[in-house]
Amino acid sequence: MTAPDEPMTASGLPSSAVPPETWARAHAELVEDLRALIRIPTVNPPGDEIRAARHVHDLLADLGLRPELVEPLPGRGSVACRLRGDGSGGAPLLLLSHLDVVPAPAEGWTHDPFAADVAEGYVWGRGAVDMKGMVALELGVIRRLVAEARAAGRDPAADPIPGLRRDILFASTADEEAGGHAGAGWLVEHRPEWLRADAALNEAGGVSMTVAGRTFYPIGVAEKGYAVYRLRVRGAWGHASMPRPDNAAVRAATLIARLAAPGQPRLTPVMERFLAAAADELPAPTAALVRQIADPDPATGQAALERLCAEPYRRAMGALLRDSISVGVVAAGVKYNVIPGLATVEIDCRVLPGTTEEQMRAEVERRVGPDLAPHVEVELLGFGEPVEAPLDHPLYAVLAGTLRDHDPDALPLPAMAPFATDAKHTVKLGVPTYGFSPLRNDPRETWLERFHGVDERVGLDALRFGLPVLYDVVRRYCG
């Protein structure tokens, strides 16, 4: 898939033709791009992504490109750009990312969440992992391609990039952390040309994890759907000096305990492939434990997980084997000496491929139980379908092969994300979207803990690994 004017090397990696000192400068620029983005608070709500979108727009314009900026709602900005191939290789590749982040109360953080400190081999701050790190990686690839175009005497805004047979689309959007409706969702309706592509690269995949001494790189080929419900629990108002069993808060407590119980495991095709491929690469005793993870008896699966991996990965695997329910908001009462007659409970349900909203609602109502059912009203606040991309798409082979070429110990695996991304929107345009933000982490790094957690951070060495990997994926797929 290499075009005639692309530099060739003995290793077959386009990045090998780039001098080490050039990669060193590119890494330094990537780190500074990331730090600048972290220092722009884009906490959603309210978002205010327009500030970050303008920053990215100006950076791309300074490179000589022609980026576009939209602000469909006040403060909700998204930015996009196109690099051209010669048109002979098919539809574009989309590099997708989002600019918003979740809140980051400073309590418990080692570093100010918006200072973008560099310390102990990491860049610290909200968005370092989710997902301004990927924005910076994508910008690093664009910088390199622009430099190569200029070195060949070409205008990167109008002429084909040397060696590219497909166009490259870059889109960094607003509002992903709240469903993407003011970002990628709006673009699907009003600027579909920004997103319409042969395939897309998105967040949360291609990141190393170490199990039993082996280095796995899960590549996102699927993600769970979501169903958000508000449950109104009714009781009787009264004086707190005379306790009563129909206290709405007490009923809500009973309900919460029922909702919190883990559901029954269900092995989807994606996770069946994931576990089978992992077991095939592990020594026999460990492989046997991996195969027990999906046992119909939850106790057997949990025992296997506890012997295999650390707590963050146990939680993630548990979520990927069942429809899950998390209680997010609980509200009741107006005063300490007033028995509340109303309580509200908002829950976040994440559904596996094959589970419909109607089935999830039925499970919630089953957990409410016949005793509480007359007192509980269930209201759907939002639903997003599970998403799955084909494993036999040519892009997946490029992703897996490039990881192996950069890390001989790499074991790429098709995996499912437990959370939602903007793939919920690209699927409406028929764009298969893969989670691939390549990082090679220190085996001790609990990367999953960094999503929406305190001390979010990304390793400098992890970014140093990821930039040429992403560059080679783009070069190979678009060449």
Foldseek 3Di string as FASTA:
>chain_A
DWDPQQDQDPLRFSCVVPDPVVLVVLLVQLLVQLLVLLLPAQAPVVGLLVVVQVVVCVVCVVLQAHKDWDQPDVSWIKIKGKFFAPQQQFWAEEEEAERHFHDDDPPPFPDRQRNQDCPPQWGWHTCCARHSSSVSLVVSLVSVQSVQQVVVVHRRHPDHRPGFNYMYMYMYGTDFVPPQCSTLVVCVVPPVVNQQGQAYEYADWQEWAAWPRFTETAKEFWAWKKWKKKKKFFFDKDFQVDDDPRQSVNLVVLLQVLQQDQDFFADDPQVVQQLVLVLVPDPDVLSVLSVQLRPRPNVSNLVSDVVIDDDLVSVFSSLQGAWHKDWDDKDFDDDPGMRTRIIMIMIMITHDQPDDPVNVVVVSCVSSPPVRVVRMDMDIPDIFHMGGHDCPPPLNVLLQVLSCSLPVSYDYGHDYGHDDGCVSNSVVSVHRYMHHQHFYDDNVDPQSCLRVHHGNIHGSNRSSSRNSSVSSSNSVSRD
